[in-house]
Amino acid sequence: MHAMAEVTVKEFRGTGNTTTSIFTVEAPWLLDWRLDGDYDNLIALDITLVEAHTGKLVGRVLHTKRKGNGVKLFKDTGQYQLRVSSTLARWTLKVQQLQPEEEELYTPRGAK
């Protein structure tokens, strides 16, 4: 069994809307997200990634209306913040630093 060596850089938890504190990551890195709530139909989570010092939008990371969890791989080094907008939801976000050789484990099959 291969031991994963991700290192959690930051962990954020909440229930409402927020912009996280700044975190610094080197490529490759992961956002490991988990969404839970008391209602099945009303919850929503929207996350965008912004550059920490310019506020420039890097892109939408996630938009979901159902409970669950997943990971998203990023290939850019920098200082970032996450803008989180949620409705009736409890969320946990972990920013995890990967080793370069682990990147292929998170790359979808067939993706270049």
PDB file of N, CA and C in Angstrom:
ATOM      1  N   MET A   1       0.847  -1.186   0.000  1.00  0.00           N
ATOM      2  CA  MET A   1       0.000   0.000   0.000  1.00  0.00           C
ATOM      3  C   MET A   1       0.888   1.244   0.000  1.00  0.00           C
ATOM      4  N   HIS A   2       0.570   2.179  -0.855  1.00  0.00           N
ATOM      5  CA  HIS A   2       1.373   3.403  -0.993  1.00  0.00           C
ATOM      6  C   HIS A   2       0.941   4.405   0.076  1.00  0.00           C
ATOM      7  N   ALA A   3       1.877   4.866   0.845  1.00  0.00           N
ATOM      8  CA  ALA A   3       1.563   5.864   1.885  1.00  0.00           C
ATOM      9  C   ALA A   3       1.481   7.238   1.233  1.00  0.00           C
ATOM     10  N   MET A   4       0.362   7.898   1.449  1.00  0.00           N
ATOM     11  CA  MET A   4       0.201   9.226   0.878  1.00  0.00           C
ATOM     12  C   MET A   4       0.925  10.235   1.771  1.00  0.00           C
ATOM     13  N   ALA A   5       1.528  11.197   1.140  1.00  0.00           N
ATOM     14  CA  ALA A   5       2.335  12.150   1.906  1.00  0.00           C
ATOM     15  C   ALA A   5       1.777  13.559   1.833  1.00  0.00           C
ATOM     16  N   GLU A   6       0.440  13.693   1.618  1.00  0.00           N
ATOM     17  CA  GLU A   6      -0.040  15.049   1.592  1.00  0.00           C
ATOM     18  C   GLU A   6       0.138  15.668   2.967  1.00  0.00           C
ATOM     19  N   VAL A   7       0.406  16.940   2.958  1.00  0.00           N
ATOM     20  CA  VAL A   7       0.553  17.689   4.193  1.00  0.00           C
ATOM     21  C   VAL A   7      -0.552  18.742   4.206  1.00  0.00           C
ATOM     22  N   THR A   8      -1.326  18.778   5.290  1.00  0.00           N
ATOM     23  CA  THR A   8      -2.384  19.782   5.378  1.00  0.00           C
ATOM     24  C   THR A   8      -1.760  21.124   5.710  1.00  0.00           C
ATOM     25  N   VAL A   9      -1.917  22.071   4.790  1.00  0.00           N
ATOM     26  CA  VAL A   9      -1.360  23.418   4.949  1.00  0.00           C
ATOM     27  C   VAL A   9      -2.303  24.256   5.809  1.00  0.00           C
ATOM     28  N   LYS A  10      -3.596  24.185   5.494  1.00  0.00           N
ATOM     29  CA  LYS A  10      -4.622  24.936   6.232  1.00  0.00           C
ATOM     30  C   LYS A  10      -5.890  24.115   6.240  1.00  0.00           C
ATOM     31  N   GLU A  11      -6.686  24.312   7.280  1.00  0.00           N
ATOM     32  CA  GLU A  11      -8.002  23.702   7.323  1.00  0.00           C
ATOM     33  C   GLU A  11      -8.993  24.780   7.723  1.00  0.00           C
ATOM     34  N   PHE A  12     -10.087  24.858   6.995  1.00  0.00           N
ATOM     35  CA  PHE A  12     -11.123  25.857   7.255  1.00  0.00           C
ATOM     36  C   PHE A  12     -12.447  25.136   7.461  1.00  0.00           C
ATOM     37  N   ARG A  13     -13.220  25.595   8.453  1.00  0.00           N
ATOM     38  CA  ARG A  13     -14.549  25.032   8.696  1.00  0.00           C
ATOM     39  C   ARG A  13     -15.516  26.174   8.882  1.00  0.00           C
ATOM     40  N   GLY A  14     -16.755  25.955   8.498  1.00  0.00           N
ATOM     41  CA  GLY A  14     -17.732  27.000   8.724  1.00  0.00           C
ATOM     42  C   GLY A  14     -19.122  26.585   8.315  1.00  0.00           C
ATOM     43  N   THR A  15     -20.036  27.547   8.430  1.00  0.00           N
ATOM     44  CA  THR A  15     -21.423  27.305   8.067  1.00  0.00           C
ATOM     45  C   THR A  15     -21.978  28.426   7.195  1.00  0.00           C
ATOM     46  N   GLY A  16     -21.254  29.491   7.025  1.00  0.00           N
ATOM     47  CA  GLY A  16     -21.815  30.623   6.290  1.00  0.00           C
ATOM     48  C   GLY A  16     -20.940  31.049   5.144  1.00  0.00           C
ATOM     49  N   ASN A  17     -20.925  32.358   4.917  1.00  0.00           N
ATOM     50  CA  ASN A  17     -20.128  32.928   3.838  1.00  0.00           C
ATOM     51  C   ASN A  17     -18.863  33.539   4.433  1.00  0.00           C
ATOM     52  N   THR A  18     -17.739  33.306   3.782  1.00  0.00           N
ATOM     53  CA  THR A  18     -16.487  33.826   4.318  1.00  0.00           C
ATOM     54  C   THR A  18     -15.437  33.904   3.219  1.00  0.00           C
ATOM     55  N   THR A  19     -14.404  34.673   3.481  1.00  0.00           N
ATOM     56  CA  THR A  19     -13.169  34.596   2.706  1.00  0.00           C
ATOM     57  C   THR A  19     -12.115  34.113   3.688  1.00  0.00           C
ATOM     58  N   THR A  20     -11.436  33.036   3.338  1.00  0.00           N
ATOM     59  CA  THR A  20     -10.486  32.422   4.265  1.00  0.00           C
ATOM     60  C   THR A  20      -9.251  33.295   4.442  1.00  0.00           C
ATOM     61  N   SER A  21      -8.463  32.934   5.422  1.00  0.00           N
ATOM     62  CA  SER A  21      -7.161  33.565   5.583  1.00  0.00           C
ATOM     63  C   SER A  21      -6.269  33.139   4.411  1.00  0.00           C
ATOM     64  N   ILE A  22      -5.161  33.822   4.263  1.00  0.00           N
ATOM     65  CA  ILE A  22      -4.236  33.561   3.158  1.00  0.00           C
ATOM     66  C   ILE A  22      -3.454  32.279   3.433  1.00  0.00           C
ATOM     67  N   PHE A  23      -3.281  31.490   2.389  1.00  0.00           N
ATOM     68  CA  PHE A  23      -2.407  30.320   2.503  1.00  0.00           C
ATOM     69  C   PHE A  23      -1.449  30.305   1.321  1.00  0.00           C
ATOM     70  N   THR A  24      -0.271  29.745   1.552  1.00  0.00           N
ATOM     71  CA  THR A  24       0.772  29.667   0.535  1.00  0.00           C
ATOM     72  C   THR A  24       0.971  28.208   0.175  1.00  0.00           C
ATOM     73  N   VAL A  25       0.939  27.913  -1.121  1.00  0.00           N
ATOM     74  CA  VAL A  25       1.098  26.532  -1.580  1.00  0.00           C
ATOM     75  C   VAL A  25       2.041  26.486  -2.769  1.00  0.00           C
ATOM     76  N   GLU A  26       2.651  25.330  -2.946  1.00  0.00           N
ATOM     77  CA  GLU A  26       3.483  25.053  -4.109  1.00  0.00           C
ATOM     78  C   GLU A  26       2.753  24.013  -4.933  1.00  0.00           C
ATOM     79  N   ALA A  27       2.881  24.121  -6.236  1.00  0.00           N
ATOM     80  CA  ALA A  27       2.255  23.125  -7.103  1.00  0.00           C
ATOM     81  C   ALA A  27       2.991  21.791  -6.950  1.00  0.00           C
ATOM     82  N   PRO A  28       2.274  20.684  -6.992  1.00  0.00           N
ATOM     83  CA  PRO A  28       0.811  20.549  -7.044  1.00  0.00           C
ATOM     84  C   PRO A  28       0.211  20.565  -5.641  1.00  0.00           C
ATOM     85  N   TRP A  29      -1.062  20.976  -5.557  1.00  0.00           N
ATOM     86  CA  TRP A  29      -1.756  20.943  -4.274  1.00  0.00           C
ATOM     87  C   TRP A  29      -3.215  20.578  -4.497  1.00  0.00           C
ATOM     88  N   LEU A  30      -3.862  20.194  -3.407  1.00  0.00           N
ATOM     89  CA  LEU A  30      -5.248  19.740  -3.464  1.00  0.00           C
ATOM     90  C   LEU A  30      -6.128  20.580  -2.565  1.00  0.00           C
ATOM     91  N   LEU A  31      -7.379  20.723  -2.973  1.00  0.00           N
ATOM     92  CA  LEU A  31      -8.418  21.194  -2.067  1.00  0.00           C
ATOM     93  C   LEU A  31      -9.308  19.992  -1.799  1.00  0.00           C
ATOM     94  N   ASP A  32      -9.337  19.568  -0.555  1.00  0.00           N
ATOM     95  CA  ASP A  32     -10.157  18.436  -0.120  1.00  0.00           C
ATOM     96  C   ASP A  32     -11.378  19.043   0.562  1.00  0.00           C
ATOM     97  N   TRP A  33     -12.561  18.846  -0.022  1.00  0.00           N
ATOM     98  CA  TRP A  33     -13.762  19.491   0.496  1.00  0.00           C
ATOM     99  C   TRP A  33     -14.774  18.474   0.992  1.00  0.00           C
ATOM    100  N   ARG A  34     -15.534  18.899   1.984  1.00  0.00           N
ATOM    101  CA  ARG A  34     -16.601  18.064   2.539  1.00  0.00           C
ATOM    102  C   ARG A  34     -17.777  18.975   2.854  1.00  0.00           C
ATOM    103  N   LEU A  35     -18.945  18.553   2.471  1.00  0.00           N
ATOM    104  CA  LEU A  35     -20.163  19.337   2.670  1.00  0.00           C
ATOM    105  C   LEU A  35     -21.215  18.484   3.367  1.00  0.00           C
ATOM    106  N   ASP A  36     -21.784  19.042   4.424  1.00  0.00           N
ATOM    107  CA  ASP A  36     -22.829  18.340   5.157  1.00  0.00           C
ATOM    108  C   ASP A  36     -23.894  19.368   5.542  1.00  0.00           C
ATOM    109  N   GLY A  37     -25.067  18.889   5.884  1.00  0.00           N
ATOM    110  CA  GLY A  37     -26.138  19.792   6.277  1.00  0.00           C
ATOM    111  C   GLY A  37     -27.329  19.011   6.782  1.00  0.00           C
ATOM    112  N   ASP A  38     -28.279  19.728   7.341  1.00  0.00           N
ATOM    113  CA  ASP A  38     -29.458  19.083   7.924  1.00  0.00           C
ATOM    114  C   ASP A  38     -30.562  18.856   6.905  1.00  0.00           C
ATOM    115  N   TYR A  39     -30.450  19.464   5.748  1.00  0.00           N
ATOM    116  CA  TYR A  39     -31.490  19.344   4.723  1.00  0.00           C
ATOM    117  C   TYR A  39     -30.869  18.783   3.457  1.00  0.00           C
ATOM    118  N   ASP A  40     -31.597  17.920   2.771  1.00  0.00           N
ATOM    119  CA  ASP A  40     -31.053  17.336   1.549  1.00  0.00           C
ATOM    120  C   ASP A  40     -31.220  18.245   0.348  1.00  0.00           C
ATOM    121  N   ASN A  41     -32.282  19.037   0.318  1.00  0.00           N
ATOM    122  CA  ASN A  41     -32.617  19.757  -0.906  1.00  0.00           C
ATOM    123  C   ASN A  41     -32.208  21.217  -0.916  1.00  0.00           C
ATOM    124  N   LEU A  42     -31.913  21.782   0.234  1.00  0.00           N
ATOM    125  CA  LEU A  42     -31.736  23.229   0.299  1.00  0.00           C
ATOM    126  C   LEU A  42     -30.283  23.672   0.395  1.00  0.00           C
ATOM    127  N   ILE A  43     -29.379  22.738   0.602  1.00  0.00           N
ATOM    128  CA  ILE A  43     -27.991  23.141   0.822  1.00  0.00           C
ATOM    129  C   ILE A  43     -27.292  23.508  -0.491  1.00  0.00           C
ATOM    130  N   ALA A  44     -26.319  24.368  -0.373  1.00  0.00           N
ATOM    131  CA  ALA A  44     -25.512  24.756  -1.536  1.00  0.00           C
ATOM    132  C   ALA A  44     -24.145  25.218  -1.050  1.00  0.00           C
ATOM    133  N   LEU A  45     -23.159  24.990  -1.894  1.00  0.00           N
ATOM    134  CA  LEU A  45     -21.801  25.424  -1.591  1.00  0.00           C
ATOM    135  C   LEU A  45     -21.165  25.909  -2.880  1.00  0.00           C
ATOM    136  N   ASP A  46     -20.578  27.094  -2.808  1.00  0.00           N
ATOM    137  CA  ASP A  46     -19.911  27.685  -3.963  1.00  0.00           C
ATOM    138  C   ASP A  46     -18.554  28.193  -3.487  1.00  0.00           C
ATOM    139  N   ILE A  47     -17.494  27.758  -4.135  1.00  0.00           N
ATOM    140  CA  ILE A  47     -16.143  28.155  -3.722  1.00  0.00           C
ATOM    141  C   ILE A  47     -15.400  28.716  -4.924  1.00  0.00           C
ATOM    142  N   THR A  48     -14.790  29.883  -4.743  1.00  0.00           N
ATOM    143  CA  THR A  48     -13.918  30.431  -5.775  1.00  0.00           C
ATOM    144  C   THR A  48     -12.541  30.670  -5.169  1.00  0.00           C
ATOM    145  N   LEU A  49     -11.532  30.596  -6.027  1.00  0.00           N
ATOM    146  CA  LEU A  49     -10.142  30.793  -5.625  1.00  0.00           C
ATOM    147  C   LEU A  49      -9.707  32.166  -6.100  1.00  0.00           C
ATOM    148  N   VAL A  50      -9.111  32.948  -5.187  1.00  0.00           N
ATOM    149  CA  VAL A  50      -8.623  34.279  -5.551  1.00  0.00           C
ATOM    150  C   VAL A  50      -7.164  34.431  -5.138  1.00  0.00           C
ATOM    151  N   GLU A  51      -6.439  35.234  -5.889  1.00  0.00           N
ATOM    152  CA  GLU A  51      -5.056  35.557  -5.525  1.00  0.00           C
ATOM    153  C   GLU A  51      -5.097  36.440  -4.287  1.00  0.00           C
ATOM    154  N   ALA A  52      -4.251  36.118  -3.326  1.00  0.00           N
ATOM    155  CA  ALA A  52      -4.333  36.763  -2.018  1.00  0.00           C
ATOM    156  C   ALA A  52      -4.104  38.273  -2.064  1.00  0.00           C
ATOM    157  N   HIS A  53      -3.112  38.728  -2.800  1.00  0.00           N
ATOM    158  CA  HIS A  53      -2.740  40.134  -2.684  1.00  0.00           C
ATOM    159  C   HIS A  53      -3.418  41.037  -3.699  1.00  0.00           C
ATOM    160  N   THR A  54      -3.870  40.451  -4.812  1.00  0.00           N
ATOM    161  CA  THR A  54      -4.518  41.269  -5.833  1.00  0.00           C
ATOM    162  C   THR A  54      -6.035  41.128  -5.783  1.00  0.00           C
ATOM    163  N   GLY A  55      -6.527  40.042  -5.157  1.00  0.00           N
ATOM    164  CA  GLY A  55      -7.962  39.783  -5.151  1.00  0.00           C
ATOM    165  C   GLY A  55      -8.449  39.277  -6.502  1.00  0.00           C
ATOM    166  N   LYS A  56      -7.519  39.017  -7.425  1.00  0.00           N
ATOM    167  CA  LYS A  56      -7.872  38.566  -8.773  1.00  0.00           C
ATOM    168  C   LYS A  56      -8.484  37.171  -8.717  1.00  0.00           C
ATOM    169  N   LEU A  57      -9.595  37.023  -9.420  1.00  0.00           N
ATOM    170  CA  LEU A  57     -10.279  35.735  -9.459  1.00  0.00           C
ATOM    171  C   LEU A  57      -9.464  34.742 -10.279  1.00  0.00           C
ATOM    172  N   VAL A  58      -9.121  33.615  -9.675  1.00  0.00           N
ATOM    173  CA  VAL A  58      -8.431  32.555 -10.402  1.00  0.00           C
ATOM    174  C   VAL A  58      -9.460  31.667 -11.084  1.00  0.00           C
ATOM    175  N   GLY A  59     -10.551  31.386 -10.383  1.00  0.00           N
ATOM    176  CA  GLY A  59     -11.607  30.590 -10.993  1.00  0.00           C
ATOM    177  C   GLY A  59     -12.524  29.962  -9.968  1.00  0.00           C
ATOM    178  N   ARG A  60     -13.632  29.423 -10.466  1.00  0.00           N
ATOM    179  CA  ARG A  60     -14.562  28.724  -9.590  1.00  0.00           C
ATOM    180  C   ARG A  60     -13.997  27.338  -9.322  1.00  0.00           C
ATOM    181  N   VAL A  61     -13.974  26.969  -8.063  1.00  0.00           N
ATOM    182  CA  VAL A  61     -13.431  25.689  -7.658  1.00  0.00           C
ATOM    183  C   VAL A  61     -14.534  24.647  -7.601  1.00  0.00           C
ATOM    184  N   LEU A  62     -15.674  25.054  -7.056  1.00  0.00           N
ATOM    185  CA  LEU A  62     -16.718  24.074  -6.789  1.00  0.00           C
ATOM    186  C   LEU A  62     -18.064  24.761  -6.718  1.00  0.00           C
ATOM    187  N   HIS A  63     -19.067  24.098  -7.254  1.00  0.00           N
ATOM    188  CA  HIS A  63     -20.452  24.519  -7.059  1.00  0.00           C
ATOM    189  C   HIS A  63     -21.257  23.232  -6.910  1.00  0.00           C
ATOM    190  N   THR A  64     -21.867  23.041  -5.767  1.00  0.00           N
ATOM    191  CA  THR A  64     -22.647  21.822  -5.564  1.00  0.00           C
ATOM    192  C   THR A  64     -23.881  22.122  -4.733  1.00  0.00           C
ATOM    193  N   LYS A  65     -24.898  21.327  -4.932  1.00  0.00           N
ATOM    194  CA  LYS A  65     -26.127  21.454  -4.156  1.00  0.00           C
ATOM    195  C   LYS A  65     -26.465  20.145  -3.465  1.00  0.00           C
ATOM    196  N   ARG A  66     -25.435  19.325  -3.242  1.00  0.00           N
ATOM    197  CA  ARG A  66     -25.702  18.102  -2.493  1.00  0.00           C
ATOM    198  C   ARG A  66     -24.550  17.779  -1.558  1.00  0.00           C
ATOM    199  N   LYS A  67     -24.887  17.076  -0.505  1.00  0.00           N
ATOM    200  CA  LYS A  67     -23.877  16.675   0.465  1.00  0.00           C
ATOM    201  C   LYS A  67     -22.871  15.762  -0.207  1.00  0.00           C
ATOM    202  N   GLY A  68     -21.660  15.816   0.285  1.00  0.00           N
ATOM    203  CA  GLY A  68     -20.647  14.931  -0.274  1.00  0.00           C
ATOM    204  C   GLY A  68     -19.264  15.444   0.016  1.00  0.00           C
ATOM    205  N   ASN A  69     -18.300  14.896  -0.713  1.00  0.00           N
ATOM    206  CA  ASN A  69     -16.915  15.318  -0.541  1.00  0.00           C
ATOM    207  C   ASN A  69     -16.154  14.979  -1.813  1.00  0.00           C
ATOM    208  N   GLY A  70     -14.993  15.570  -1.931  1.00  0.00           N
ATOM    209  CA  GLY A  70     -14.164  15.320  -3.102  1.00  0.00           C
ATOM    210  C   GLY A  70     -12.862  16.081  -3.006  1.00  0.00           C
ATOM    211  N   VAL A  71     -12.070  15.956  -4.048  1.00  0.00           N
ATOM    212  CA  VAL A  71     -10.795  16.678  -4.100  1.00  0.00           C
ATOM    213  C   VAL A  71     -10.669  17.364  -5.445  1.00  0.00           C
ATOM    214  N   LYS A  72      -9.936  18.461  -5.446  1.00  0.00           N
ATOM    215  CA  LYS A  72      -9.668  19.195  -6.674  1.00  0.00           C
ATOM    216  C   LYS A  72      -8.168  19.469  -6.705  1.00  0.00           C
ATOM    217  N   LEU A  73      -7.550  19.157  -7.843  1.00  0.00           N
ATOM    218  CA  LEU A  73      -6.109  19.307  -8.006  1.00  0.00           C
ATOM    219  C   LEU A  73      -5.781  20.655  -8.639  1.00  0.00           C
ATOM    220  N   PHE A  74      -4.749  21.309  -8.109  1.00  0.00           N
ATOM    221  CA  PHE A  74      -4.281  22.589  -8.662  1.00  0.00           C
ATOM    222  C   PHE A  74      -2.805  22.478  -9.023  1.00  0.00           C
ATOM    223  N   LYS A  75      -2.422  23.165 -10.096  1.00  0.00           N
ATOM    224  CA  LYS A  75      -1.050  23.061 -10.595  1.00  0.00           C
ATOM    225  C   LYS A  75      -0.349  24.405 -10.610  1.00  0.00           C
ATOM    226  N   ASP A  76      -0.770  25.320  -9.728  1.00  0.00           N
ATOM    227  CA  ASP A  76      -0.148  26.641  -9.661  1.00  0.00           C
ATOM    228  C   ASP A  76       0.345  26.922  -8.253  1.00  0.00           C
ATOM    229  N   THR A  77       1.543  27.485  -8.175  1.00  0.00           N
ATOM    230  CA  THR A  77       2.125  27.897  -6.904  1.00  0.00           C
ATOM    231  C   THR A  77       1.673  29.326  -6.621  1.00  0.00           C
ATOM    232  N   GLY A  78       1.440  29.636  -5.351  1.00  0.00           N
ATOM    233  CA  GLY A  78       1.101  31.020  -5.041  1.00  0.00           C
ATOM    234  C   GLY A  78       0.509  31.198  -3.664  1.00  0.00           C
ATOM    235  N   GLN A  79       0.040  32.416  -3.427  1.00  0.00           N
ATOM    236  CA  GLN A  79      -0.664  32.752  -2.193  1.00  0.00           C
ATOM    237  C   GLN A  79      -2.108  33.020  -2.566  1.00  0.00           C
ATOM    238  N   TYR A  80      -3.009  32.291  -1.915  1.00  0.00           N
ATOM    239  CA  TYR A  80      -4.410  32.334  -2.299  1.00  0.00           C
ATOM    240  C   TYR A  80      -5.324  32.487  -1.096  1.00  0.00           C
ATOM    241  N   GLN A  81      -6.574  32.785  -1.414  1.00  0.00           N
ATOM    242  CA  GLN A  81      -7.662  32.739  -0.446  1.00  0.00           C
ATOM    243  C   GLN A  81      -8.831  32.056  -1.136  1.00  0.00           C
ATOM    244  N   LEU A  82      -9.701  31.449  -0.338  1.00  0.00           N
ATOM    245  CA  LEU A  82     -10.918  30.837  -0.860  1.00  0.00           C
ATOM    246  C   LEU A  82     -12.094  31.701  -0.449  1.00  0.00           C
ATOM    247  N   ARG A  83     -12.967  32.000  -1.404  1.00  0.00           N
ATOM    248  CA  ARG A  83     -14.216  32.691  -1.098  1.00  0.00           C
ATOM    249  C   ARG A  83     -15.297  31.637  -1.055  1.00  0.00           C
ATOM    250  N   VAL A  84     -15.941  31.532   0.077  1.00  0.00           N
ATOM    251  CA  VAL A  84     -16.932  30.483   0.282  1.00  0.00           C
ATOM    252  C   VAL A  84     -18.308  31.112   0.459  1.00  0.00           C
ATOM    253  N   SER A  85     -19.262  30.596  -0.281  1.00  0.00           N
ATOM    254  CA  SER A  85     -20.650  31.010  -0.137  1.00  0.00           C
ATOM    255  C   SER A  85     -21.456  29.743   0.089  1.00  0.00           C
ATOM    256  N   SER A  86     -22.165  29.668   1.205  1.00  0.00           N
ATOM    257  CA  SER A  86     -22.913  28.447   1.477  1.00  0.00           C
ATOM    258  C   SER A  86     -24.290  28.758   2.026  1.00  0.00           C
ATOM    259  N   THR A  87     -25.196  27.834   1.796  1.00  0.00           N
ATOM    260  CA  THR A  87     -26.571  27.943   2.263  1.00  0.00           C
ATOM    261  C   THR A  87     -26.906  26.705   3.078  1.00  0.00           C
ATOM    262  N   LEU A  88     -27.281  26.901   4.349  1.00  0.00           N
ATOM    263  CA  LEU A  88     -27.722  25.805   5.225  1.00  0.00           C
ATOM    264  C   LEU A  88     -26.763  24.629   5.200  1.00  0.00           C
ATOM    265  N   ALA A  89     -25.475  24.936   5.193  1.00  0.00           N
ATOM    266  CA  ALA A  89     -24.475  23.881   5.039  1.00  0.00           C
ATOM    267  C   ALA A  89     -23.364  24.018   6.072  1.00  0.00           C
ATOM    268  N   ARG A  90     -22.783  22.881   6.404  1.00  0.00           N
ATOM    269  CA  ARG A  90     -21.554  22.835   7.200  1.00  0.00           C
ATOM    270  C   ARG A  90     -20.464  22.347   6.261  1.00  0.00           C
ATOM    271  N   TRP A  91     -19.388  23.106   6.175  1.00  0.00           N
ATOM    272  CA  TRP A  91     -18.327  22.728   5.250  1.00  0.00           C
ATOM    273  C   TRP A  91     -16.979  22.665   5.936  1.00  0.00           C
ATOM    274  N   THR A  92     -16.141  21.806   5.403  1.00  0.00           N
ATOM    275  CA  THR A  92     -14.752  21.664   5.839  1.00  0.00           C
ATOM    276  C   THR A  92     -13.888  21.663   4.586  1.00  0.00           C
ATOM    277  N   LEU A  93     -12.877  22.512   4.580  1.00  0.00           N
ATOM    278  CA  LEU A  93     -11.966  22.610   3.440  1.00  0.00           C
ATOM    279  C   LEU A  93     -10.551  22.403   3.941  1.00  0.00           C
ATOM    280  N   LYS A  94      -9.838  21.482   3.313  1.00  0.00           N
ATOM    281  CA  LYS A  94      -8.443  21.260   3.670  1.00  0.00           C
ATOM    282  C   LYS A  94      -7.585  21.548   2.455  1.00  0.00           C
ATOM    283  N   VAL A  95      -6.595  22.414   2.641  1.00  0.00           N
ATOM    284  CA  VAL A  95      -5.616  22.699   1.592  1.00  0.00           C
ATOM    285  C   VAL A  95      -4.438  21.769   1.863  1.00  0.00           C
ATOM    286  N   GLN A  96      -4.146  20.908   0.901  1.00  0.00           N
ATOM    287  CA  GLN A  96      -3.114  19.893   1.112  1.00  0.00           C
ATOM    288  C   GLN A  96      -2.012  20.000   0.075  1.00  0.00           C
ATOM    289  N   GLN A  97      -0.801  20.016   0.575  1.00  0.00           N
ATOM    290  CA  GLN A  97       0.386  20.055  -0.278  1.00  0.00           C
ATOM    291  C   GLN A  97       0.709  18.642  -0.737  1.00  0.00           C
ATOM    292  N   LEU A  98       0.890  18.461  -2.036  1.00  0.00           N
ATOM    293  CA  LEU A  98       1.255  17.151  -2.576  1.00  0.00           C
ATOM    294  C   LEU A  98       2.733  17.113  -2.923  1.00  0.00           C
ATOM    295  N   GLN A  99       3.253  15.908  -2.995  1.00  0.00           N
ATOM    296  CA  GLN A  99       4.567  15.705  -3.589  1.00  0.00           C
ATOM    297  C   GLN A  99       4.346  15.611  -5.101  1.00  0.00           C
ATOM    298  N   PRO A 100       5.285  16.099  -5.918  1.00  0.00           N
ATOM    299  CA  PRO A 100       5.076  16.088  -7.373  1.00  0.00           C
ATOM    300  C   PRO A 100       4.718  14.709  -7.922  1.00  0.00           C
ATOM    301  N   GLU A 101       5.311  13.653  -7.381  1.00  0.00           N
ATOM    302  CA  GLU A 101       5.031  12.319  -7.919  1.00  0.00           C
ATOM    303  C   GLU A 101       3.615  11.838  -7.578  1.00  0.00           C
ATOM    304  N   GLU A 102       2.955  12.518  -6.645  1.00  0.00           N
ATOM    305  CA  GLU A 102       1.590  12.118  -6.292  1.00  0.00           C
ATOM    306  C   GLU A 102       0.546  12.729  -7.216  1.00  0.00           C
ATOM    307  N   GLU A 103       0.960  13.714  -8.002  1.00  0.00           N
ATOM    308  CA  GLU A 103       0.002  14.430  -8.847  1.00  0.00           C
ATOM    309  C   GLU A 103      -0.754  13.480  -9.768  1.00  0.00           C
ATOM    310  N   GLU A 104      -0.040  12.488 -10.320  1.00  0.00           N
ATOM    311  CA  GLU A 104      -0.690  11.576 -11.269  1.00  0.00           C
ATOM    312  C   GLU A 104      -1.807  10.770 -10.621  1.00  0.00           C
ATOM    313  N   LEU A 105      -1.765  10.598  -9.309  1.00  0.00           N
ATOM    314  CA  LEU A 105      -2.818   9.852  -8.624  1.00  0.00           C
ATOM    315  C   LEU A 105      -4.139  10.604  -8.643  1.00  0.00           C
ATOM    316  N   TYR A 106      -4.075  11.921  -8.819  1.00  0.00           N
ATOM    317  CA  TYR A 106      -5.285  12.757  -8.778  1.00  0.00           C
ATOM    318  C   TYR A 106      -5.668  13.285 -10.159  1.00  0.00           C
ATOM    319  N   THR A 107      -4.900  12.913 -11.189  1.00  0.00           N
ATOM    320  CA  THR A 107      -5.209  13.370 -12.529  1.00  0.00           C
ATOM    321  C   THR A 107      -6.204  12.401 -13.153  1.00  0.00           C
ATOM    322  N   PRO A 108      -7.344  12.906 -13.639  1.00  0.00           N
ATOM    323  CA  PRO A 108      -8.323  12.001 -14.239  1.00  0.00           C
ATOM    324  C   PRO A 108      -7.734  11.212 -15.400  1.00  0.00           C
ATOM    325  N   ARG A 109      -8.146   9.983 -15.550  1.00  0.00           N
ATOM    326  CA  ARG A 109      -7.642   9.155 -16.649  1.00  0.00           C
ATOM    327  C   ARG A 109      -7.985   9.804 -17.977  1.00  0.00           C
ATOM    328  N   GLY A 110      -7.005   9.809 -18.877  1.00  0.00           N
ATOM    329  CA  GLY A 110      -7.244  10.385 -20.195  1.00  0.00           C
ATOM    330  C   GLY A 110      -6.967  11.889 -20.257  1.00  0.00           C
ATOM    331  N   ALA A 111      -6.787  12.519 -19.088  1.00  0.00           N
ATOM    332  CA  ALA A 111      -6.507  13.961 -19.084  1.00  0.00           C
ATOM    333  C   ALA A 111      -5.027  14.187 -19.341  1.00  0.00           C
ATOM    334  N   LYS A 112      -4.727  15.244 -20.056  1.00  0.00           N
ATOM    335  CA  LYS A 112      -3.311  15.568 -20.342  1.00  0.00           C
ATOM    336  C   LYS A 112      -2.887  16.714 -19.457  1.00  0.00           C
TER     337      LYS A 112
END
